[in-house]
């Protein structure tokens, strides 16, 4: 069995939306002074590789702690969108070549190749995202969730967040953003796990996302 880590390491330079505080990792206790080490973490719920809950956009939406744990694992298909240009929409044409796999999957993971720009301004400001019709197809298909290797499932300039609203509006799906290493998963179904931090009223949370082959 091969385990593929799909998660970025959180550090003080982790990219965040403009205006969002960057994560802080401070020393709370040290070996010399306390005999052990403990770190104080300060971060928002949508930092790094993270999961969006329906409550991210909808006041009466489900929060992550109210999903059963089974929501966060299942079979995943990678949808290859590499070559897509800045700000373009991911249409259903990208799904068609692997439609059989996509239909059998619990999660669809969209690989745009945008992780190449991790840490650069281009990563946050010019990324592609799902077209609303693509999101509607996924919502009708009853998937557990979708993932993408960009900051947002919508295009970077989408102020109204149409794909988010369609997917999270089902109140049955989650979105995983800022994935990495999707290119290592091949072209078959893989076992996928993305476990969010469990806290009260979770509109989103960092995850440790992995796949195993």
C-alpha atoms as a PDB file:
ATOM      1  CA  UNK A   1       0.000   0.000   0.000  1.00  0.00           C
ATOM      2  CA  UNK A   2       1.313   3.440  -0.943  1.00  0.00           C
ATOM      3  CA  UNK A   3       0.204   6.442   1.111  1.00  0.00           C
ATOM      4  CA  UNK A   4       0.139   9.827  -0.661  1.00  0.00           C
ATOM      5  CA  UNK A   5       0.004  12.932   1.530  1.00  0.00           C
ATOM      6  CA  UNK A   6      -2.222  15.574  -0.088  1.00  0.00           C
ATOM      7  CA  UNK A   7      -1.767  18.171   2.653  1.00  0.00           C
ATOM      8  CA  UNK A   8       0.389  21.290   2.882  1.00  0.00           C
ATOM      9  CA  UNK A   9       2.378  21.860   6.063  1.00  0.00           C
ATOM     10  CA  UNK A  10       1.077  24.840   8.026  1.00  0.00           C
ATOM     11  CA  UNK A  11       3.658  27.524   8.750  1.00  0.00           C
ATOM     12  CA  UNK A  12       3.856  31.279   9.161  1.00  0.00           C
ATOM     13  CA  UNK A  13       4.075  31.735   5.375  1.00  0.00           C
ATOM     14  CA  UNK A  14       0.997  29.667   4.465  1.00  0.00           C
ATOM     15  CA  UNK A  15      -0.965  31.648   1.829  1.00  0.00           C
ATOM     16  CA  UNK A  16      -4.249  33.156   3.031  1.00  0.00           C
ATOM     17  CA  UNK A  17      -6.876  35.392   1.478  1.00  0.00           C
ATOM     18  CA  UNK A  18      -5.929  39.087   1.635  1.00  0.00           C
ATOM     19  CA  UNK A  19      -7.062  40.481   4.963  1.00  0.00           C
ATOM     20  CA  UNK A  20      -7.067  37.086   6.680  1.00  0.00           C
ATOM     21  CA  UNK A  21      -4.548  36.721   9.515  1.00  0.00           C
ATOM     22  CA  UNK A  22      -1.700  34.376   8.730  1.00  0.00           C
ATOM     23  CA  UNK A  23      -1.221  31.406  11.040  1.00  0.00           C
ATOM     24  CA  UNK A  24       0.980  31.916  14.063  1.00  0.00           C
ATOM     25  CA  UNK A  25       2.972  29.160  15.706  1.00  0.00           C
ATOM     26  CA  UNK A  26       4.408  30.327  18.997  1.00  0.00           C
ATOM     27  CA  UNK A  27       6.351  28.581  21.716  1.00  0.00           C
ATOM     28  CA  UNK A  28       4.202  28.221  24.830  1.00  0.00           C
ATOM     29  CA  UNK A  29       6.507  25.934  26.786  1.00  0.00           C
ATOM     30  CA  UNK A  30      10.114  24.915  26.215  1.00  0.00           C
ATOM     31  CA  UNK A  31      12.392  22.032  27.125  1.00  0.00           C
ATOM     32  CA  UNK A  32      14.746  24.199  29.184  1.00  0.00           C
ATOM     33  CA  UNK A  33      12.130  26.156  31.134  1.00  0.00           C
ATOM     34  CA  UNK A  34       9.349  23.581  31.463  1.00  0.00           C
ATOM     35  CA  UNK A  35      10.845  20.204  30.653  1.00  0.00           C
ATOM     36  CA  UNK A  36       8.575  19.771  27.616  1.00  0.00           C
ATOM     37  CA  UNK A  37       7.627  21.602  24.452  1.00  0.00           C
ATOM     38  CA  UNK A  38       4.154  22.957  23.631  1.00  0.00           C
ATOM     39  CA  UNK A  39       3.140  25.202  20.722  1.00  0.00           C
ATOM     40  CA  UNK A  40       0.382  27.806  20.693  1.00  0.00           C
ATOM     41  CA  UNK A  41      -1.434  27.726  17.339  1.00  0.00           C
ATOM     42  CA  UNK A  42      -3.477  30.681  16.075  1.00  0.00           C
ATOM     43  CA  UNK A  43      -5.212  30.230  12.742  1.00  0.00           C
ATOM     44  CA  UNK A  44      -8.535  30.674  10.998  1.00  0.00           C
ATOM     45  CA  UNK A  45     -10.830  27.779  10.166  1.00  0.00           C
ATOM     46  CA  UNK A  46     -10.057  27.972   6.436  1.00  0.00           C
ATOM     47  CA  UNK A  47      -6.268  27.959   6.577  1.00  0.00           C
ATOM     48  CA  UNK A  48      -4.024  25.715   4.496  1.00  0.00           C
ATOM     49  CA  UNK A  49      -5.453  22.422   3.273  1.00  0.00           C
ATOM     50  CA  UNK A  50      -8.934  22.713   4.704  1.00  0.00           C
ATOM     51  CA  UNK A  51     -12.580  21.698   4.440  1.00  0.00           C
ATOM     52  CA  UNK A  52     -15.633  23.921   3.954  1.00  0.00           C
ATOM     53  CA  UNK A  53     -18.905  22.972   5.627  1.00  0.00           C
ATOM     54  CA  UNK A  54     -22.350  24.087   4.415  1.00  0.00           C
ATOM     55  CA  UNK A  55     -22.353  26.473   7.393  1.00  0.00           C
ATOM     56  CA  UNK A  56     -19.501  28.352   5.706  1.00  0.00           C
ATOM     57  CA  UNK A  57     -22.116  30.095   3.536  1.00  0.00           C
ATOM     58  CA  UNK A  58     -25.505  29.216   4.989  1.00  0.00           C
ATOM     59  CA  UNK A  59     -26.721  30.287   8.426  1.00  0.00           C
ATOM     60  CA  UNK A  60     -28.722  27.067   8.810  1.00  0.00           C
ATOM     61  CA  UNK A  61     -26.123  24.910   7.086  1.00  0.00           C
ATOM     62  CA  UNK A  62     -24.641  21.824   8.691  1.00  0.00           C
ATOM     63  CA  UNK A  63     -21.389  22.233  10.604  1.00  0.00           C
ATOM     64  CA  UNK A  64     -18.578  19.705  10.316  1.00  0.00           C
ATOM     65  CA  UNK A  65     -19.014  18.112  13.737  1.00  0.00           C
ATOM     66  CA  UNK A  66     -22.552  17.143  12.770  1.00  0.00           C
ATOM     67  CA  UNK A  67     -21.466  15.065   9.796  1.00  0.00           C
ATOM     68  CA  UNK A  68     -20.838  11.385  10.531  1.00  0.00           C
ATOM     69  CA  UNK A  69     -17.175  10.439  10.284  1.00  0.00           C
ATOM     70  CA  UNK A  70     -18.010   8.318   7.229  1.00  0.00           C
ATOM     71  CA  UNK A  71     -18.559  11.563   5.302  1.00  0.00           C
ATOM     72  CA  UNK A  72     -14.840  12.174   5.241  1.00  0.00           C
ATOM     73  CA  UNK A  73     -13.607   9.047   3.487  1.00  0.00           C
ATOM     74  CA  UNK A  74     -14.407   7.113   0.345  1.00  0.00           C
ATOM     75  CA  UNK A  75     -13.355   6.437  -3.217  1.00  0.00           C
ATOM     76  CA  UNK A  76     -11.982   9.384  -5.162  1.00  0.00           C
ATOM     77  CA  UNK A  77     -11.396  10.083  -8.836  1.00  0.00           C
ATOM     78  CA  UNK A  78      -8.886  12.678  -9.993  1.00  0.00           C
ATOM     79  CA  UNK A  79     -10.167  14.951 -12.763  1.00  0.00           C
ATOM     80  CA  UNK A  80      -7.204  16.157 -14.805  1.00  0.00           C
ATOM     81  CA  UNK A  81      -7.609  19.833 -15.675  1.00  0.00           C
ATOM     82  CA  UNK A  82      -3.913  20.604 -16.155  1.00  0.00           C
ATOM     83  CA  UNK A  83      -3.392  23.079 -18.939  1.00  0.00           C
ATOM     84  CA  UNK A  84      -6.368  25.158 -17.877  1.00  0.00           C
ATOM     85  CA  UNK A  85      -5.621  28.882 -18.034  1.00  0.00           C
ATOM     86  CA  UNK A  86      -5.851  31.636 -15.454  1.00  0.00           C
ATOM     87  CA  UNK A  87      -9.391  32.375 -14.349  1.00  0.00           C
ATOM     88  CA  UNK A  88     -10.955  29.785 -16.673  1.00  0.00           C
ATOM     89  CA  UNK A  89     -13.887  27.621 -15.691  1.00  0.00           C
ATOM     90  CA  UNK A  90     -13.685  23.874 -15.186  1.00  0.00           C
ATOM     91  CA  UNK A  91     -16.504  22.563 -17.358  1.00  0.00           C
ATOM     92  CA  UNK A  92     -17.962  19.081 -17.636  1.00  0.00           C
ATOM     93  CA  UNK A  93     -15.691  18.430 -20.632  1.00  0.00           C
ATOM     94  CA  UNK A  94     -12.931  17.654 -18.150  1.00  0.00           C
ATOM     95  CA  UNK A  95     -15.070  14.976 -16.516  1.00  0.00           C
ATOM     96  CA  UNK A  96     -16.200  13.272 -19.739  1.00  0.00           C
ATOM     97  CA  UNK A  97     -12.941  11.323 -20.387  1.00  0.00           C
ATOM     98  CA  UNK A  98     -13.252   9.654 -16.970  1.00  0.00           C
ATOM     99  CA  UNK A  99     -17.034   9.683 -16.635  1.00  0.00           C
ATOM    100  CA  UNK A 100     -17.208   6.038 -15.566  1.00  0.00           C
ATOM    101  CA  UNK A 101     -14.726   6.612 -12.747  1.00  0.00           C
ATOM    102  CA  UNK A 102     -16.396   9.873 -11.785  1.00  0.00           C
ATOM    103  CA  UNK A 103     -19.785   8.213 -11.535  1.00  0.00           C
ATOM    104  CA  UNK A 104     -18.372   5.520  -9.227  1.00  0.00           C
ATOM    105  CA  UNK A 105     -16.466   7.945  -6.973  1.00  0.00           C
ATOM    106  CA  UNK A 106     -17.554   9.451  -3.655  1.00  0.00           C
ATOM    107  CA  UNK A 107     -15.206  12.417  -4.152  1.00  0.00           C
ATOM    108  CA  UNK A 108     -14.064  14.260  -7.267  1.00  0.00           C
ATOM    109  CA  UNK A 109     -10.611  15.832  -6.922  1.00  0.00           C
ATOM    110  CA  UNK A 110      -9.822  18.469  -9.543  1.00  0.00           C
ATOM    111  CA  UNK A 111      -6.170  18.723 -10.496  1.00  0.00           C
ATOM    112  CA  UNK A 112      -5.402  22.049 -12.153  1.00  0.00           C
ATOM    113  CA  UNK A 113      -1.645  21.994 -11.533  1.00  0.00           C
ATOM    114  CA  UNK A 114      -1.978  25.239  -9.609  1.00  0.00           C
ATOM    115  CA  UNK A 115       0.162  23.950  -6.757  1.00  0.00           C
ATOM    116  CA  UNK A 116       3.101  24.995  -8.958  1.00  0.00           C
ATOM    117  CA  UNK A 117       2.324  28.537  -7.812  1.00  0.00           C
ATOM    118  CA  UNK A 118       1.953  27.810  -4.087  1.00  0.00           C
ATOM    119  CA  UNK A 119       3.389  30.740  -2.169  1.00  0.00           C
ATOM    120  CA  UNK A 120       3.127  33.099  -5.155  1.00  0.00           C
ATOM    121  CA  UNK A 121       0.600  35.872  -5.718  1.00  0.00           C
ATOM    122  CA  UNK A 122      -0.658  34.043  -8.809  1.00  0.00           C
ATOM    123  CA  UNK A 123      -1.818  31.154  -6.636  1.00  0.00           C
ATOM    124  CA  UNK A 124      -4.363  33.341  -4.850  1.00  0.00           C
ATOM    125  CA  UNK A 125      -5.403  35.849  -7.483  1.00  0.00           C
ATOM    126  CA  UNK A 126      -5.678  34.071 -10.820  1.00  0.00           C
ATOM    127  CA  UNK A 127      -6.792  30.516 -10.140  1.00  0.00           C
ATOM    128  CA  UNK A 128      -9.431  28.639 -12.176  1.00  0.00           C
ATOM    129  CA  UNK A 129     -12.556  27.166 -10.624  1.00  0.00           C
ATOM    130  CA  UNK A 130     -15.685  25.137 -11.230  1.00  0.00           C
ATOM    131  CA  UNK A 131     -18.319  26.371 -13.636  1.00  0.00           C
ATOM    132  CA  UNK A 132     -21.759  26.512 -12.015  1.00  0.00           C
ATOM    133  CA  UNK A 133     -23.102  23.812 -14.370  1.00  0.00           C
ATOM    134  CA  UNK A 134     -20.256  21.492 -13.363  1.00  0.00           C
ATOM    135  CA  UNK A 135     -21.102  22.090  -9.705  1.00  0.00           C
ATOM    136  CA  UNK A 136     -24.765  21.321 -10.447  1.00  0.00           C
ATOM    137  CA  UNK A 137     -23.827  18.003 -12.065  1.00  0.00           C
ATOM    138  CA  UNK A 138     -21.788  17.050  -8.985  1.00  0.00           C
ATOM    139  CA  UNK A 139     -24.581  18.120  -6.635  1.00  0.00           C
ATOM    140  CA  UNK A 140     -27.128  16.014  -8.526  1.00  0.00           C
ATOM    141  CA  UNK A 141     -24.764  13.048  -8.451  1.00  0.00           C
ATOM    142  CA  UNK A 142     -24.907  12.972  -4.655  1.00  0.00           C
ATOM    143  CA  UNK A 143     -21.163  12.963  -4.014  1.00  0.00           C
ATOM    144  CA  UNK A 144     -19.743  13.247  -0.508  1.00  0.00           C
ATOM    145  CA  UNK A 145     -17.492  16.073  -1.555  1.00  0.00           C
ATOM    146  CA  UNK A 146     -15.153  17.708  -4.026  1.00  0.00           C
ATOM    147  CA  UNK A 147     -11.545  18.798  -3.727  1.00  0.00           C
ATOM    148  CA  UNK A 148      -9.220  21.062  -5.675  1.00  0.00           C
ATOM    149  CA  UNK A 149      -5.561  22.102  -5.691  1.00  0.00           C
ATOM    150  CA  UNK A 150      -6.367  25.827  -5.570  1.00  0.00           C
ATOM    151  CA  UNK A 151      -7.373  28.277  -2.857  1.00  0.00           C
ATOM    152  CA  UNK A 152     -11.063  28.086  -3.818  1.00  0.00           C
ATOM    153  CA  UNK A 153     -13.433  25.788  -5.682  1.00  0.00           C
ATOM    154  CA  UNK A 154     -14.616  28.994  -7.412  1.00  0.00           C
ATOM    155  CA  UNK A 155     -12.422  31.137  -9.621  1.00  0.00           C
ATOM    156  CA  UNK A 156     -10.316  33.588  -7.637  1.00  0.00           C
ATOM    157  CA  UNK A 157     -12.382  36.574  -8.793  1.00  0.00           C
ATOM    158  CA  UNK A 158     -15.826  35.009  -8.183  1.00  0.00           C
ATOM    159  CA  UNK A 159     -17.374  37.354  -5.622  1.00  0.00           C
ATOM    160  CA  UNK A 160     -20.745  35.561  -5.530  1.00  0.00           C
ATOM    161  CA  UNK A 161     -19.170  32.105  -5.041  1.00  0.00           C
ATOM    162  CA  UNK A 162     -21.602  30.270  -7.352  1.00  0.00           C
ATOM    163  CA  UNK A 163     -19.915  26.853  -7.156  1.00  0.00           C
ATOM    164  CA  UNK A 164     -19.698  27.050  -3.371  1.00  0.00           C
ATOM    165  CA  UNK A 165     -23.386  27.904  -3.159  1.00  0.00           C
ATOM    166  CA  UNK A 166     -24.457  25.025  -5.393  1.00  0.00           C
ATOM    167  CA  UNK A 167     -22.347  22.406  -3.622  1.00  0.00           C
ATOM    168  CA  UNK A 168     -22.767  23.550  -0.041  1.00  0.00           C
ATOM    169  CA  UNK A 169     -26.410  24.347  -0.704  1.00  0.00           C
ATOM    170  CA  UNK A 170     -27.127  20.616  -0.793  1.00  0.00           C
ATOM    171  CA  UNK A 171     -26.295  20.600   2.938  1.00  0.00           C
ATOM    172  CA  UNK A 172     -24.859  17.138   2.300  1.00  0.00           C
ATOM    173  CA  UNK A 173     -21.469  17.874   0.741  1.00  0.00           C
ATOM    174  CA  UNK A 174     -18.100  19.241   1.799  1.00  0.00           C
ATOM    175  CA  UNK A 175     -15.382  21.039  -0.164  1.00  0.00           C
ATOM    176  CA  UNK A 176     -11.651  20.454   0.319  1.00  0.00           C
ATOM    177  CA  UNK A 177      -9.336  23.210  -0.896  1.00  0.00           C
ATOM    178  CA  UNK A 178      -5.568  23.669  -1.164  1.00  0.00           C
ATOM    179  CA  UNK A 179      -4.850  20.019  -1.905  1.00  0.00           C
ATOM    180  CA  UNK A 180      -1.453  19.031  -3.275  1.00  0.00           C
ATOM    181  CA  UNK A 181       0.242  16.030  -4.923  1.00  0.00           C
ATOM    182  CA  UNK A 182      -2.856  15.029  -6.885  1.00  0.00           C
ATOM    183  CA  UNK A 183      -0.574  14.171  -9.796  1.00  0.00           C
ATOM    184  CA  UNK A 184       0.714  11.175  -7.839  1.00  0.00           C
ATOM    185  CA  UNK A 185      -2.673   9.459  -7.657  1.00  0.00           C
ATOM    186  CA  UNK A 186      -2.807   8.058 -11.176  1.00  0.00           C
ATOM    187  CA  UNK A 187      -5.889   7.499 -13.300  1.00  0.00           C
ATOM    188  CA  UNK A 188      -7.838   4.942 -11.240  1.00  0.00           C
ATOM    189  CA  UNK A 189     -10.092   5.207  -8.212  1.00  0.00           C
ATOM    190  CA  UNK A 190      -8.151   5.697  -4.980  1.00  0.00           C
ATOM    191  CA  UNK A 191      -9.105   5.529  -1.314  1.00  0.00           C
ATOM    192  CA  UNK A 192      -9.309   9.072   0.025  1.00  0.00           C
ATOM    193  CA  UNK A 193      -9.497  10.410   3.574  1.00  0.00           C
ATOM    194  CA  UNK A 194      -9.746  14.035   4.707  1.00  0.00           C
ATOM    195  CA  UNK A 195     -10.362  14.327   8.446  1.00  0.00           C
ATOM    196  CA  UNK A 196     -11.215  17.813   9.722  1.00  0.00           C
ATOM    197  CA  UNK A 197     -10.415  19.137  13.159  1.00  0.00           C
ATOM    198  CA  UNK A 198     -13.551  18.500  15.233  1.00  0.00           C
ATOM    199  CA  UNK A 199     -14.684  21.585  17.109  1.00  0.00           C
ATOM    200  CA  UNK A 200     -17.993  23.216  18.000  1.00  0.00           C
ATOM    201  CA  UNK A 201     -19.905  25.052  15.243  1.00  0.00           C
ATOM    202  CA  UNK A 202     -17.255  24.248  12.636  1.00  0.00           C
ATOM    203  CA  UNK A 203     -17.877  26.239   9.438  1.00  0.00           C
ATOM    204  CA  UNK A 204     -14.570  24.829   8.195  1.00  0.00           C
ATOM    205  CA  UNK A 205     -11.408  23.260   9.501  1.00  0.00           C
ATOM    206  CA  UNK A 206      -7.873  22.291   8.517  1.00  0.00           C
ATOM    207  CA  UNK A 207      -7.632  18.672   7.395  1.00  0.00           C
ATOM    208  CA  UNK A 208      -4.997  16.009   6.985  1.00  0.00           C
ATOM    209  CA  UNK A 209      -5.876  14.661   3.554  1.00  0.00           C
ATOM    210  CA  UNK A 210      -4.326  11.455   2.257  1.00  0.00           C
ATOM    211  CA  UNK A 211      -4.934   8.869  -0.416  1.00  0.00           C
ATOM    212  CA  UNK A 212      -3.782   5.273  -0.444  1.00  0.00           C
ATOM    213  CA  UNK A 213      -3.238   3.062  -3.431  1.00  0.00           C
END
